[in-house]
Amino acid sequence: MTTIVPYLQGLGTGAGLIIAIGAQNAFVLSQSIRKNNHLIICLVCSLCDAVLISLGVLGTGDLVASNPMLLKPAAWGGAAFLAWYGLGSFRSAIKGGSLVAENDTETGLRSLIMLTLAITLLNPHVYLDTVVMLGSMSGQYAGEGRYAFGLGAISASFLWFFSLGLGGQALAPLFRKQSTWRVLDIVIGITMWAIAANLAEKAINA
């Protein structure tokens, strides 16, 4: 029972960080629409996230958890980041956006995997989100709770990418509309602010 809350918070935080308009999601969606090895692409994206999140939880998370002097700054830092990220989501909801899947030519499997790795790993934000941010936030929980948080974040990655891959053809028309992204951005913003408030409470009580 004690691991349920960390798992759900990891799930919510991971989803908020992963679900955003960007090159990786546009690429996954575009390949899904054409059914061009889209499930393999989803697996590659998810496994990359799983490895990076695990490194963060086992490395950064352990460092934070083992040093009480870092717990409070990590909690405040995480709360500030998530509050800022949530604000960005609300701004995106006001501004509006759309996800357009471009009609790329079909690519061979090996080249497609290399391209997926490049789009995923050459983005510096992926390391901030997974290794640093999620790793630090996992340090707010002790023992199994920290691993449950990481598992929740990893679950969010697998759920999102495979949902995007499997439902790409059905979702594509929806995500070309600004209204769909506005609703999604609002949900992400609310999620980020709720988790930020929880972290701030932990920092105050630390």
C-alpha atoms as a PDB file:
ATOM      1  CA  MET A   1       0.000   0.000   0.000  1.00  0.00           C
ATOM      2  CA  THR A   2       2.866   2.369   0.774  1.00  0.00           C
ATOM      3  CA  THR A   3       4.157   2.021  -2.785  1.00  0.00           C
ATOM      4  CA  ILE A   4       0.878   2.951  -4.492  1.00  0.00           C
ATOM      5  CA  VAL A   5       1.186   6.708  -3.954  1.00  0.00           C
ATOM      6  CA  PRO A   6       4.823   6.908  -5.173  1.00  0.00           C
ATOM      7  CA  TYR A   7       3.907   4.756  -8.180  1.00  0.00           C
ATOM      8  CA  LEU A   8       0.978   6.992  -9.106  1.00  0.00           C
ATOM      9  CA  GLN A   9       3.074  10.125  -8.629  1.00  0.00           C
ATOM     10  CA  GLY A  10       5.800   8.635 -10.809  1.00  0.00           C
ATOM     11  CA  LEU A  11       3.170   7.736 -13.387  1.00  0.00           C
ATOM     12  CA  GLY A  12       1.712  11.247 -13.371  1.00  0.00           C
ATOM     13  CA  THR A  13       5.055  13.037 -13.378  1.00  0.00           C
ATOM     14  CA  GLY A  14       6.480  10.785 -16.082  1.00  0.00           C
ATOM     15  CA  ALA A  15       3.408  11.278 -18.243  1.00  0.00           C
ATOM     16  CA  GLY A  16       3.571  15.039 -17.823  1.00  0.00           C
ATOM     17  CA  LEU A  17       7.211  15.148 -18.881  1.00  0.00           C
ATOM     18  CA  ILE A  18       6.867  12.715 -21.784  1.00  0.00           C
ATOM     19  CA  ILE A  19       3.573  13.879 -23.315  1.00  0.00           C
ATOM     20  CA  ALA A  20       4.411  17.103 -25.113  1.00  0.00           C
ATOM     21  CA  ILE A  21       4.531  18.407 -28.636  1.00  0.00           C
ATOM     22  CA  GLY A  22       7.987  17.582 -29.897  1.00  0.00           C
ATOM     23  CA  ALA A  23      10.067  15.901 -32.567  1.00  0.00           C
ATOM     24  CA  GLN A  24      10.006  12.471 -30.899  1.00  0.00           C
ATOM     25  CA  ASN A  25       6.228  12.268 -30.564  1.00  0.00           C
ATOM     26  CA  ALA A  26       5.730  13.663 -34.063  1.00  0.00           C
ATOM     27  CA  PHE A  27       8.133  11.040 -35.410  1.00  0.00           C
ATOM     28  CA  VAL A  28       6.410   8.173 -33.579  1.00  0.00           C
ATOM     29  CA  LEU A  29       3.016   9.344 -34.790  1.00  0.00           C
ATOM     30  CA  SER A  30       4.141   9.787 -38.388  1.00  0.00           C
ATOM     31  CA  GLN A  31       5.585   6.257 -38.546  1.00  0.00           C
ATOM     32  CA  SER A  32       2.490   4.864 -36.835  1.00  0.00           C
ATOM     33  CA  ILE A  33       0.216   6.389 -39.439  1.00  0.00           C
ATOM     34  CA  ARG A  34       2.135   4.546 -42.178  1.00  0.00           C
ATOM     35  CA  LYS A  35       2.640   1.410 -40.003  1.00  0.00           C
ATOM     36  CA  ASN A  36       6.365   1.628 -40.717  1.00  0.00           C
ATOM     37  CA  ASN A  37       7.818  -0.622 -37.970  1.00  0.00           C
ATOM     38  CA  HIS A  38       5.974   1.631 -35.528  1.00  0.00           C
ATOM     39  CA  LEU A  39       5.865  -0.912 -32.688  1.00  0.00           C
ATOM     40  CA  ILE A  40       9.649  -1.311 -32.800  1.00  0.00           C
ATOM     41  CA  ILE A  41      10.001   2.474 -32.683  1.00  0.00           C
ATOM     42  CA  CYS A  42       7.702   2.578 -29.646  1.00  0.00           C
ATOM     43  CA  LEU A  43       9.797  -0.123 -27.968  1.00  0.00           C
ATOM     44  CA  VAL A  44      13.067   1.737 -28.649  1.00  0.00           C
ATOM     45  CA  CYS A  45      11.684   5.008 -27.235  1.00  0.00           C
ATOM     46  CA  SER A  46      10.281   3.271 -24.162  1.00  0.00           C
ATOM     47  CA  LEU A  47      13.454   1.283 -23.466  1.00  0.00           C
ATOM     48  CA  CYS A  48      15.578   4.435 -23.748  1.00  0.00           C
ATOM     49  CA  ASP A  49      13.376   6.118 -21.164  1.00  0.00           C
ATOM     50  CA  ALA A  50      13.438   3.022 -18.936  1.00  0.00           C
ATOM     51  CA  VAL A  51      17.250   2.922 -18.925  1.00  0.00           C
ATOM     52  CA  LEU A  52      17.632   6.646 -18.264  1.00  0.00           C
ATOM     53  CA  ILE A  53      14.966   6.682 -15.537  1.00  0.00           C
ATOM     54  CA  SER A  54      16.581   3.650 -13.878  1.00  0.00           C
ATOM     55  CA  LEU A  55      19.965   5.382 -13.940  1.00  0.00           C
ATOM     56  CA  GLY A  56      18.380   8.401 -12.315  1.00  0.00           C
ATOM     57  CA  VAL A  57      16.538   6.412  -9.646  1.00  0.00           C
ATOM     58  CA  LEU A  58      19.525   4.181  -8.804  1.00  0.00           C
ATOM     59  CA  GLY A  59      22.116   6.940  -9.041  1.00  0.00           C
ATOM     60  CA  THR A  60      20.666  10.377  -8.399  1.00  0.00           C
ATOM     61  CA  GLY A  61      17.868   8.937  -6.284  1.00  0.00           C
ATOM     62  CA  ASP A  62      20.287   7.059  -4.039  1.00  0.00           C
ATOM     63  CA  LEU A  63      22.496  10.135  -3.687  1.00  0.00           C
ATOM     64  CA  VAL A  64      19.591  12.307  -2.615  1.00  0.00           C
ATOM     65  CA  ALA A  65      18.061   9.688  -0.336  1.00  0.00           C
ATOM     66  CA  SER A  66      21.361   9.000   1.446  1.00  0.00           C
ATOM     67  CA  ASN A  67      22.092  12.677   2.116  1.00  0.00           C
ATOM     68  CA  PRO A  68      19.468  14.458   4.266  1.00  0.00           C
ATOM     69  CA  MET A  69      21.103  17.792   3.354  1.00  0.00           C
ATOM     70  CA  LEU A  70      19.966  17.240  -0.234  1.00  0.00           C
ATOM     71  CA  LEU A  71      16.403  16.168   0.495  1.00  0.00           C
ATOM     72  CA  LYS A  72      14.969  19.626   1.118  1.00  0.00           C
ATOM     73  CA  PRO A  73      16.717  21.383  -1.804  1.00  0.00           C
ATOM     74  CA  ALA A  74      15.744  18.490  -4.108  1.00  0.00           C
ATOM     75  CA  ALA A  75      12.103  18.750  -3.024  1.00  0.00           C
ATOM     76  CA  TRP A  76      12.030  22.536  -3.497  1.00  0.00           C
ATOM     77  CA  GLY A  77      13.888  22.212  -6.798  1.00  0.00           C
ATOM     78  CA  GLY A  78      11.477  19.592  -8.059  1.00  0.00           C
ATOM     79  CA  ALA A  79       8.473  21.652  -6.931  1.00  0.00           C
ATOM     80  CA  ALA A  80       9.820  24.766  -8.660  1.00  0.00           C
ATOM     81  CA  PHE A  81      10.579  22.886 -11.872  1.00  0.00           C
ATOM     82  CA  LEU A  82       7.159  21.231 -11.993  1.00  0.00           C
ATOM     83  CA  ALA A  83       5.419  24.519 -11.211  1.00  0.00           C
ATOM     84  CA  TRP A  84       7.330  26.153 -14.067  1.00  0.00           C
ATOM     85  CA  TYR A  85       6.600  23.219 -16.370  1.00  0.00           C
ATOM     86  CA  GLY A  86       2.918  23.348 -15.468  1.00  0.00           C
ATOM     87  CA  LEU A  87       2.851  27.061 -16.208  1.00  0.00           C
ATOM     88  CA  GLY A  88       4.379  26.329 -19.596  1.00  0.00           C
ATOM     89  CA  SER A  89       1.603  23.816 -20.279  1.00  0.00           C
ATOM     90  CA  PHE A  90      -1.058  26.385 -19.410  1.00  0.00           C
ATOM     91  CA  ARG A  91       0.647  28.903 -21.695  1.00  0.00           C
ATOM     92  CA  SER A  92       0.670  26.323 -24.481  1.00  0.00           C
ATOM     93  CA  ALA A  93      -3.034  25.728 -23.884  1.00  0.00           C
ATOM     94  CA  ILE A  94      -3.690  29.450 -24.328  1.00  0.00           C
ATOM     95  CA  LYS A  95      -1.418  29.748 -27.344  1.00  0.00           C
ATOM     96  CA  GLY A  96      -2.602  26.567 -29.018  1.00  0.00           C
ATOM     97  CA  GLY A  97      -0.577  24.067 -30.987  1.00  0.00           C
ATOM     98  CA  SER A  98      -0.897  21.110 -33.281  1.00  0.00           C
ATOM     99  CA  LEU A  99       0.996  17.957 -34.094  1.00  0.00           C
ATOM    100  CA  VAL A 100       1.440  17.382 -37.794  1.00  0.00           C
ATOM    101  CA  ALA A 101       2.756  14.055 -39.000  1.00  0.00           C
ATOM    102  CA  GLU A 102       4.832  14.743 -42.068  1.00  0.00           C
ATOM    103  CA  ASN A 103       4.745  12.353 -44.983  1.00  0.00           C
ATOM    104  CA  ASP A 104       8.315  11.072 -44.808  1.00  0.00           C
ATOM    105  CA  THR A 105       9.476   8.391 -47.189  1.00  0.00           C
ATOM    106  CA  GLU A 106       9.589   4.885 -45.787  1.00  0.00           C
ATOM    107  CA  THR A 107      12.884   4.048 -44.118  1.00  0.00           C
ATOM    108  CA  GLY A 108      14.637   0.706 -43.583  1.00  0.00           C
ATOM    109  CA  LEU A 109      14.464  -0.876 -40.135  1.00  0.00           C
ATOM    110  CA  ARG A 110      18.134  -0.343 -39.206  1.00  0.00           C
ATOM    111  CA  SER A 111      18.126   3.264 -40.363  1.00  0.00           C
ATOM    112  CA  LEU A 112      14.801   3.782 -38.616  1.00  0.00           C
ATOM    113  CA  ILE A 113      16.171   2.517 -35.293  1.00  0.00           C
ATOM    114  CA  MET A 114      19.249   4.719 -35.595  1.00  0.00           C
ATOM    115  CA  LEU A 115      17.053   7.699 -36.416  1.00  0.00           C
ATOM    116  CA  THR A 116      14.834   6.948 -33.419  1.00  0.00           C
ATOM    117  CA  LEU A 117      17.864   6.748 -31.112  1.00  0.00           C
ATOM    118  CA  ALA A 118      19.190  10.020 -32.491  1.00  0.00           C
ATOM    119  CA  ILE A 119      15.868  11.842 -32.035  1.00  0.00           C
ATOM    120  CA  THR A 120      15.602  10.454 -28.497  1.00  0.00           C
ATOM    121  CA  LEU A 121      19.158  10.670 -27.160  1.00  0.00           C
ATOM    122  CA  LEU A 122      20.395  13.829 -28.862  1.00  0.00           C
ATOM    123  CA  ASN A 123      17.737  15.862 -27.111  1.00  0.00           C
ATOM    124  CA  PRO A 124      19.367  17.318 -23.938  1.00  0.00           C
ATOM    125  CA  HIS A 125      15.981  17.673 -22.256  1.00  0.00           C
ATOM    126  CA  VAL A 126      15.591  13.900 -22.083  1.00  0.00           C
ATOM    127  CA  TYR A 127      18.479  13.714 -19.598  1.00  0.00           C
ATOM    128  CA  LEU A 128      17.141  16.589 -17.521  1.00  0.00           C
ATOM    129  CA  ASP A 129      13.690  15.010 -17.391  1.00  0.00           C
ATOM    130  CA  THR A 130      14.693  11.387 -16.751  1.00  0.00           C
ATOM    131  CA  VAL A 131      18.087  11.147 -15.061  1.00  0.00           C
ATOM    132  CA  VAL A 132      18.133  14.447 -13.160  1.00  0.00           C
ATOM    133  CA  MET A 133      14.525  15.414 -12.486  1.00  0.00           C
ATOM    134  CA  LEU A 134      12.867  12.013 -12.040  1.00  0.00           C
ATOM    135  CA  GLY A 135      15.979  10.658 -10.314  1.00  0.00           C
ATOM    136  CA  SER A 136      16.018  13.525  -7.815  1.00  0.00           C
ATOM    137  CA  MET A 137      12.276  13.334  -7.213  1.00  0.00           C
ATOM    138  CA  SER A 138      12.492   9.595  -6.544  1.00  0.00           C
ATOM    139  CA  GLY A 139      14.913  10.410  -3.705  1.00  0.00           C
ATOM    140  CA  GLN A 140      11.990  11.879  -1.758  1.00  0.00           C
ATOM    141  CA  TYR A 141      10.857   8.327  -1.057  1.00  0.00           C
ATOM    142  CA  ALA A 142      12.649   5.726   0.981  1.00  0.00           C
ATOM    143  CA  GLY A 143      13.351   2.123  -0.024  1.00  0.00           C
ATOM    144  CA  GLU A 144      10.650   0.543  -2.146  1.00  0.00           C
ATOM    145  CA  GLY A 145       8.841   3.855  -2.563  1.00  0.00           C
ATOM    146  CA  ARG A 146      11.732   5.230  -4.636  1.00  0.00           C
ATOM    147  CA  TYR A 147      11.671   2.227  -6.961  1.00  0.00           C
ATOM    148  CA  ALA A 148       7.875   2.396  -7.206  1.00  0.00           C
ATOM    149  CA  PHE A 149       8.160   6.033  -8.295  1.00  0.00           C
ATOM    150  CA  GLY A 150      10.650   5.034 -10.997  1.00  0.00           C
ATOM    151  CA  LEU A 151       8.453   2.135 -12.097  1.00  0.00           C
ATOM    152  CA  GLY A 152       5.519   4.526 -12.380  1.00  0.00           C
ATOM    153  CA  ALA A 153       7.534   6.867 -14.599  1.00  0.00           C
ATOM    154  CA  ILE A 154       8.692   3.940 -16.754  1.00  0.00           C
ATOM    155  CA  SER A 155       5.096   2.706 -17.027  1.00  0.00           C
ATOM    156  CA  ALA A 156       4.028   6.157 -18.236  1.00  0.00           C
ATOM    157  CA  SER A 157       6.613   5.976 -21.015  1.00  0.00           C
ATOM    158  CA  PHE A 158       5.510   2.538 -22.216  1.00  0.00           C
ATOM    159  CA  LEU A 159       1.821   3.451 -21.973  1.00  0.00           C
ATOM    160  CA  TRP A 160       2.255   6.699 -23.884  1.00  0.00           C
ATOM    161  CA  PHE A 161       4.463   5.494 -26.713  1.00  0.00           C
ATOM    162  CA  PHE A 162       2.517   2.303 -27.360  1.00  0.00           C
ATOM    163  CA  SER A 163      -0.786   4.176 -27.134  1.00  0.00           C
ATOM    164  CA  LEU A 164       0.577   6.678 -29.626  1.00  0.00           C
ATOM    165  CA  GLY A 165       1.906   3.892 -31.836  1.00  0.00           C
ATOM    166  CA  LEU A 166      -1.144   1.628 -31.730  1.00  0.00           C
ATOM    167  CA  GLY A 167      -3.640   4.448 -31.919  1.00  0.00           C
ATOM    168  CA  GLY A 168      -1.672   6.677 -34.264  1.00  0.00           C
ATOM    169  CA  GLN A 169      -4.018   6.400 -37.218  1.00  0.00           C
ATOM    170  CA  ALA A 170      -7.053   7.131 -35.074  1.00  0.00           C
ATOM    171  CA  LEU A 171      -5.352   9.890 -33.053  1.00  0.00           C
ATOM    172  CA  ALA A 172      -3.730  11.730 -35.949  1.00  0.00           C
ATOM    173  CA  PRO A 173      -6.827  13.718 -36.984  1.00  0.00           C
ATOM    174  CA  LEU A 174      -7.496  14.671 -33.357  1.00  0.00           C
ATOM    175  CA  PHE A 175      -3.968  15.877 -32.642  1.00  0.00           C
ATOM    176  CA  ARG A 176      -3.995  18.078 -35.728  1.00  0.00           C
ATOM    177  CA  LYS A 177      -6.597  20.157 -33.913  1.00  0.00           C
ATOM    178  CA  GLN A 178      -5.546  22.897 -31.492  1.00  0.00           C
ATOM    179  CA  SER A 179      -8.468  22.104 -29.179  1.00  0.00           C
ATOM    180  CA  THR A 180      -7.146  18.579 -28.496  1.00  0.00           C
ATOM    181  CA  TRP A 181      -3.697  19.851 -27.481  1.00  0.00           C
ATOM    182  CA  ARG A 182      -5.308  22.589 -25.367  1.00  0.00           C
ATOM    183  CA  VAL A 183      -7.211  19.995 -23.340  1.00  0.00           C
ATOM    184  CA  LEU A 184      -4.100  17.817 -23.014  1.00  0.00           C
ATOM    185  CA  ASP A 185      -1.922  20.790 -21.998  1.00  0.00           C
ATOM    186  CA  ILE A 186      -4.451  21.804 -19.336  1.00  0.00           C
ATOM    187  CA  VAL A 187      -4.505  18.252 -17.901  1.00  0.00           C
ATOM    188  CA  ILE A 188      -0.686  18.181 -17.876  1.00  0.00           C
ATOM    189  CA  GLY A 189      -0.546  21.600 -16.189  1.00  0.00           C
ATOM    190  CA  ILE A 190      -2.962  20.556 -13.439  1.00  0.00           C
ATOM    191  CA  THR A 191      -1.027  17.314 -12.880  1.00  0.00           C
ATOM    192  CA  MET A 192       2.314  19.137 -12.645  1.00  0.00           C
ATOM    193  CA  TRP A 193       0.988  21.727 -10.188  1.00  0.00           C
ATOM    194  CA  ALA A 194      -0.636  19.080  -7.988  1.00  0.00           C
ATOM    195  CA  ILE A 195       2.629  17.128  -7.740  1.00  0.00           C
ATOM    196  CA  ALA A 196       4.592  20.374  -7.194  1.00  0.00           C
ATOM    197  CA  ALA A 197       2.325  21.204  -4.260  1.00  0.00           C
ATOM    198  CA  ASN A 198       2.945  17.753  -2.790  1.00  0.00           C
ATOM    199  CA  LEU A 199       6.718  18.184  -3.108  1.00  0.00           C
ATOM    200  CA  ALA A 200       6.538  21.643  -1.530  1.00  0.00           C
ATOM    201  CA  GLU A 201       4.675  20.133   1.419  1.00  0.00           C
ATOM    202  CA  LYS A 202       7.404  17.502   1.780  1.00  0.00           C
ATOM    203  CA  ALA A 203      10.071  20.223   1.700  1.00  0.00           C
ATOM    204  CA  ILE A 204       8.305  22.201   4.409  1.00  0.00           C
ATOM    205  CA  ASN A 205       7.993  19.136   6.636  1.00  0.00           C
ATOM    206  CA  ALA A 206      11.533  17.888   5.960  1.00  0.00           C
END
